[in-house]
Amino acid sequence: MPVFKVPNTIIPEDEILCVWKDDQNETEVSIAFGTLVPFFSTGIIQRKNFYKEAGIATYGDYHVLNRRFLAIVKLSNLKDIATQGERP
């Protein structure tokens, strides 16, 4: 089962976002993502301070189709790893 970690400013450390997808019907999903421009590069830009930089981006959007397939689970009584020096 794939598990993805997002920053705790989006989903706190003690919460899990659960997403369900119907295996019997491939079109029945909770969220649809669309990529409008899959890859865009600005090329190398020469700056006046003798350094170069470039930008890479993708453009897209998403839409929640079925909120019933999403749930947030709140966990309690978790041991705080950060206070024990195992994490910065």
C-alpha atoms as a PDB file:
ATOM      1  CA  MET A   1       0.000   0.000   0.000  1.00  0.00           C
ATOM      2  CA  PRO A   2       1.615   3.316  -1.023  1.00  0.00           C
ATOM      3  CA  VAL A   3       2.193   5.815   1.789  1.00  0.00           C
ATOM      4  CA  PHE A   4       3.128   9.445   1.098  1.00  0.00           C
ATOM      5  CA  LYS A   5       4.401  11.943   3.691  1.00  0.00           C
ATOM      6  CA  VAL A   6       3.444  15.595   3.318  1.00  0.00           C
ATOM      7  CA  PRO A   7       4.700  18.545   5.396  1.00  0.00           C
ATOM      8  CA  ASN A   8       3.000  18.790   8.786  1.00  0.00           C
ATOM      9  CA  THR A   9       1.776  22.292   7.870  1.00  0.00           C
ATOM     10  CA  ILE A  10      -0.590  20.576   5.410  1.00  0.00           C
ATOM     11  CA  ILE A  11      -1.563  17.482   7.422  1.00  0.00           C
ATOM     12  CA  PRO A  12      -0.429  17.425  11.080  1.00  0.00           C
ATOM     13  CA  GLU A  13       1.826  14.637  12.371  1.00  0.00           C
ATOM     14  CA  ASP A  14      -1.065  12.982  14.227  1.00  0.00           C
ATOM     15  CA  GLU A  15      -3.433  12.795  11.238  1.00  0.00           C
ATOM     16  CA  ILE A  16      -3.676  10.518   8.208  1.00  0.00           C
ATOM     17  CA  LEU A  17      -5.558  11.298   5.000  1.00  0.00           C
ATOM     18  CA  CYS A  18      -7.191   8.112   3.708  1.00  0.00           C
ATOM     19  CA  VAL A  19      -8.191   7.878   0.037  1.00  0.00           C
ATOM     20  CA  TRP A  20     -10.390   5.071  -1.292  1.00  0.00           C
ATOM     21  CA  LYS A  21     -10.732   4.026  -4.935  1.00  0.00           C
ATOM     22  CA  ASP A  22     -13.297   1.575  -6.299  1.00  0.00           C
ATOM     23  CA  ASP A  23     -11.435  -1.347  -7.885  1.00  0.00           C
ATOM     24  CA  GLN A  24     -14.605  -2.524  -9.632  1.00  0.00           C
ATOM     25  CA  ASN A  25     -15.153   0.784 -11.460  1.00  0.00           C
ATOM     26  CA  GLU A  26     -11.994   2.550 -12.699  1.00  0.00           C
ATOM     27  CA  THR A  27     -13.831   5.843 -13.268  1.00  0.00           C
ATOM     28  CA  GLU A  28     -15.058   6.118  -9.675  1.00  0.00           C
ATOM     29  CA  VAL A  29     -12.273   8.078  -7.956  1.00  0.00           C
ATOM     30  CA  SER A  30     -12.110  10.693  -5.212  1.00  0.00           C
ATOM     31  CA  ILE A  31      -9.741  13.228  -6.814  1.00  0.00           C
ATOM     32  CA  ALA A  32      -8.851  13.866 -10.459  1.00  0.00           C
ATOM     33  CA  PHE A  33      -5.521  15.490 -11.354  1.00  0.00           C
ATOM     34  CA  GLY A  34      -4.816  17.047 -14.737  1.00  0.00           C
ATOM     35  CA  THR A  35      -1.442  18.154 -16.057  1.00  0.00           C
ATOM     36  CA  LEU A  36      -1.838  20.998 -18.521  1.00  0.00           C
ATOM     37  CA  VAL A  37       1.855  21.534 -19.333  1.00  0.00           C
ATOM     38  CA  PRO A  38       3.879  18.486 -18.314  1.00  0.00           C
ATOM     39  CA  PHE A  39       7.292  20.184 -18.320  1.00  0.00           C
ATOM     40  CA  PHE A  40       8.402  23.761 -18.901  1.00  0.00           C
ATOM     41  CA  SER A  41      11.921  25.165 -18.660  1.00  0.00           C
ATOM     42  CA  THR A  42      12.880  28.831 -18.706  1.00  0.00           C
ATOM     43  CA  GLY A  43      16.340  28.034 -20.003  1.00  0.00           C
ATOM     44  CA  ILE A  44      19.453  29.532 -18.453  1.00  0.00           C
ATOM     45  CA  ILE A  45      19.088  33.155 -17.371  1.00  0.00           C
ATOM     46  CA  GLN A  46      22.316  35.164 -16.969  1.00  0.00           C
ATOM     47  CA  ARG A  47      22.122  37.552 -13.998  1.00  0.00           C
ATOM     48  CA  LYS A  48      24.151  40.741 -13.625  1.00  0.00           C
ATOM     49  CA  ASN A  49      26.000  39.371 -10.557  1.00  0.00           C
ATOM     50  CA  PHE A  50      27.742  36.724 -12.725  1.00  0.00           C
ATOM     51  CA  TYR A  51      25.544  33.815 -11.723  1.00  0.00           C
ATOM     52  CA  LYS A  52      23.133  31.810 -13.796  1.00  0.00           C
ATOM     53  CA  GLU A  53      19.805  30.320 -12.861  1.00  0.00           C
ATOM     54  CA  ALA A  54      17.011  28.379 -14.513  1.00  0.00           C
ATOM     55  CA  GLY A  55      13.435  27.495 -13.670  1.00  0.00           C
ATOM     56  CA  ILE A  56      11.526  24.256 -14.173  1.00  0.00           C
ATOM     57  CA  ALA A  57       7.769  23.981 -13.703  1.00  0.00           C
ATOM     58  CA  THR A  58       4.657  21.963 -14.445  1.00  0.00           C
ATOM     59  CA  TYR A  59       1.180  23.431 -14.656  1.00  0.00           C
ATOM     60  CA  GLY A  60      -1.961  21.556 -13.718  1.00  0.00           C
ATOM     61  CA  ASP A  61      -5.047  21.421 -11.557  1.00  0.00           C
ATOM     62  CA  TYR A  62      -7.124  19.016  -9.479  1.00  0.00           C
ATOM     63  CA  HIS A  63     -10.773  18.582  -8.560  1.00  0.00           C
ATOM     64  CA  VAL A  64     -12.422  16.607  -5.740  1.00  0.00           C
ATOM     65  CA  LEU A  65     -15.073  14.450  -7.402  1.00  0.00           C
ATOM     66  CA  ASN A  66     -16.334  12.385  -4.472  1.00  0.00           C
ATOM     67  CA  ARG A  67     -15.692  13.568  -0.895  1.00  0.00           C
ATOM     68  CA  ARG A  68     -17.166  10.329   0.484  1.00  0.00           C
ATOM     69  CA  PHE A  69     -13.988   8.545  -0.637  1.00  0.00           C
ATOM     70  CA  LEU A  70     -11.797  10.776   1.593  1.00  0.00           C
ATOM     71  CA  ALA A  71     -11.368  10.636   5.357  1.00  0.00           C
ATOM     72  CA  ILE A  72      -8.972  12.079   7.917  1.00  0.00           C
ATOM     73  CA  VAL A  73      -8.004   9.754  10.758  1.00  0.00           C
ATOM     74  CA  LYS A  74      -6.801  11.448  13.959  1.00  0.00           C
ATOM     75  CA  LEU A  75      -4.300   9.403  15.975  1.00  0.00           C
ATOM     76  CA  SER A  76      -3.912   9.790  19.721  1.00  0.00           C
ATOM     77  CA  ASN A  77      -1.348   8.782  22.344  1.00  0.00           C
ATOM     78  CA  LEU A  78       1.575   8.875  19.903  1.00  0.00           C
ATOM     79  CA  LYS A  79       5.092   8.921  21.271  1.00  0.00           C
ATOM     80  CA  ASP A  80       6.781  12.202  20.295  1.00  0.00           C
ATOM     81  CA  ILE A  81       9.976  11.216  18.488  1.00  0.00           C
ATOM     82  CA  ALA A  82      11.240  14.817  18.140  1.00  0.00           C
ATOM     83  CA  THR A  83      11.582  15.257  21.916  1.00  0.00           C
ATOM     84  CA  GLN A  84      13.887  12.218  22.164  1.00  0.00           C
ATOM     85  CA  GLY A  85      16.546  13.587  19.803  1.00  0.00           C
ATOM     86  CA  GLU A  86      15.924  11.096  17.001  1.00  0.00           C
ATOM     87  CA  ARG A  87      14.724  13.803  14.626  1.00  0.00           C
ATOM     88  CA  PRO A  88      15.837  17.405  14.147  1.00  0.00           C
END
